[in-house]
Every structure is written in structure tokens, then in C-alpha cells.
Amino acid sequence: MDRNETICNCMGVTRGEIIDAITAGGLTTVDEVGEATSAGTGCGGCQEIIQEILDEING
């Protein structure tokens, strides 16, 4: 898992930024990740990947 991998190309948000936001804020939904990082709020094409990251972290 590369923390520097860009997950949201529209907003330039990396996997590491998403992971940090989820763990620091106890985030559980794609919308919450979007509010915290802007990821997934552009075209929405990365929302499935964001959900996968949420599932990995939150079980």
C-alpha cells in the first residue's frame, strides 16, 4: 500500500491523506472523507476506492 498514491486525481488527494483523515476523525463514510479531504467530491470516480480504504481500516 503506497501512501503516496494519488487516489483522487481531481483534488490531488493521496491514499495517505485519506488514511490519516479516517483514523484521526473516526470517519466511516465516503461523504465524511470528502468533507475532510475533498476526495471524491469532483467527478466521483474514486469513491469506490475510498470505500475500499474505509473497509480496510474500519473492518
C-alpha atoms as a PDB file:
ATOM      1  CA  MET A   1       0.000   0.000   0.000  1.00  0.00           C
ATOM      2  CA  ASP A   2       1.671   3.188  -1.213  1.00  0.00           C
ATOM      3  CA  ARG A   3       0.674   6.152   0.942  1.00  0.00           C
ATOM      4  CA  ASN A   4       1.844   8.500  -1.822  1.00  0.00           C
ATOM      5  CA  GLU A   5      -0.503   7.010  -4.440  1.00  0.00           C
ATOM      6  CA  THR A   6      -2.940   9.635  -5.691  1.00  0.00           C
ATOM      7  CA  ILE A   7      -6.460   8.310  -5.150  1.00  0.00           C
ATOM      8  CA  CYS A   8      -8.427  11.422  -6.124  1.00  0.00           C
ATOM      9  CA  ASN A   9      -6.935  12.919  -9.263  1.00  0.00           C
ATOM     10  CA  CYS A  10      -9.431  15.804  -9.355  1.00  0.00           C
ATOM     11  CA  MET A  11      -8.418  17.088  -5.921  1.00  0.00           C
ATOM     12  CA  GLY A  12      -4.912  15.606  -5.727  1.00  0.00           C
ATOM     13  CA  VAL A  13      -5.579  13.595  -2.566  1.00  0.00           C
ATOM     14  CA  THR A  14      -3.279  10.698  -1.714  1.00  0.00           C
ATOM     15  CA  ARG A  15      -4.010   7.367  -0.046  1.00  0.00           C
ATOM     16  CA  GLY A  16      -2.024   8.526   2.995  1.00  0.00           C
ATOM     17  CA  GLU A  17      -4.086  11.689   3.382  1.00  0.00           C
ATOM     18  CA  ILE A  18      -7.283   9.637   3.239  1.00  0.00           C
ATOM     19  CA  ILE A  19      -5.986   7.086   5.750  1.00  0.00           C
ATOM     20  CA  ASP A  20      -4.860   9.845   8.120  1.00  0.00           C
ATOM     21  CA  ALA A  21      -8.251  11.579   7.916  1.00  0.00           C
ATOM     22  CA  ILE A  22     -10.122   8.318   8.559  1.00  0.00           C
ATOM     23  CA  THR A  23      -8.020   7.356  11.558  1.00  0.00           C
ATOM     24  CA  ALA A  24      -7.825  10.853  13.081  1.00  0.00           C
ATOM     25  CA  GLY A  25     -11.502  11.632  12.635  1.00  0.00           C
ATOM     26  CA  GLY A  26     -13.070   8.204  13.063  1.00  0.00           C
ATOM     27  CA  LEU A  27     -14.614   8.574   9.617  1.00  0.00           C
ATOM     28  CA  THR A  28     -16.922   5.832   8.378  1.00  0.00           C
ATOM     29  CA  THR A  29     -18.432   7.090   5.105  1.00  0.00           C
ATOM     30  CA  VAL A  30     -17.224   8.305   1.720  1.00  0.00           C
ATOM     31  CA  ASP A  31     -19.082  11.579   2.339  1.00  0.00           C
ATOM     32  CA  GLU A  32     -17.197  12.143   5.591  1.00  0.00           C
ATOM     33  CA  VAL A  33     -13.896  11.518   3.804  1.00  0.00           C
ATOM     34  CA  GLY A  34     -14.978  14.030   1.150  1.00  0.00           C
ATOM     35  CA  GLU A  35     -15.789  16.650   3.773  1.00  0.00           C
ATOM     36  CA  ALA A  36     -12.430  16.109   5.489  1.00  0.00           C
ATOM     37  CA  THR A  37     -10.179  15.861   2.413  1.00  0.00           C
ATOM     38  CA  SER A  38     -12.232  16.891  -0.676  1.00  0.00           C
ATOM     39  CA  ALA A  39     -11.518  13.430  -2.115  1.00  0.00           C
ATOM     40  CA  GLY A  40     -14.398  12.114  -4.183  1.00  0.00           C
ATOM     41  CA  THR A  41     -16.087  15.483  -4.475  1.00  0.00           C
ATOM     42  CA  GLY A  42     -15.017  16.221  -8.057  1.00  0.00           C
ATOM     43  CA  CYS A  43     -16.047  13.679 -10.677  1.00  0.00           C
ATOM     44  CA  GLY A  44     -16.707  10.975  -8.054  1.00  0.00           C
ATOM     45  CA  GLY A  45     -14.718   8.358  -9.940  1.00  0.00           C
ATOM     46  CA  CYS A  46     -12.598   7.482  -6.903  1.00  0.00           C
ATOM     47  CA  GLN A  47     -15.463   6.909  -4.470  1.00  0.00           C
ATOM     48  CA  GLU A  48     -15.260   3.107  -4.824  1.00  0.00           C
ATOM     49  CA  ILE A  49     -11.565   3.186  -3.925  1.00  0.00           C
ATOM     50  CA  ILE A  50     -12.293   5.460  -0.953  1.00  0.00           C
ATOM     51  CA  GLN A  51     -14.894   2.935   0.213  1.00  0.00           C
ATOM     52  CA  GLU A  52     -12.323   0.140  -0.118  1.00  0.00           C
ATOM     53  CA  ILE A  53      -9.880   2.117   2.049  1.00  0.00           C
ATOM     54  CA  LEU A  54     -12.636   2.721   4.612  1.00  0.00           C
ATOM     55  CA  ASP A  55     -13.407  -1.012   4.670  1.00  0.00           C
ATOM     56  CA  GLU A  56      -9.705  -1.880   5.108  1.00  0.00           C
ATOM     57  CA  ILE A  57      -9.335   0.459   8.071  1.00  0.00           C
ATOM     58  CA  ASN A  58     -12.713   0.057   9.749  1.00  0.00           C
ATOM     59  CA  GLY A  59     -13.141  -3.632   9.049  1.00  0.00           C
END
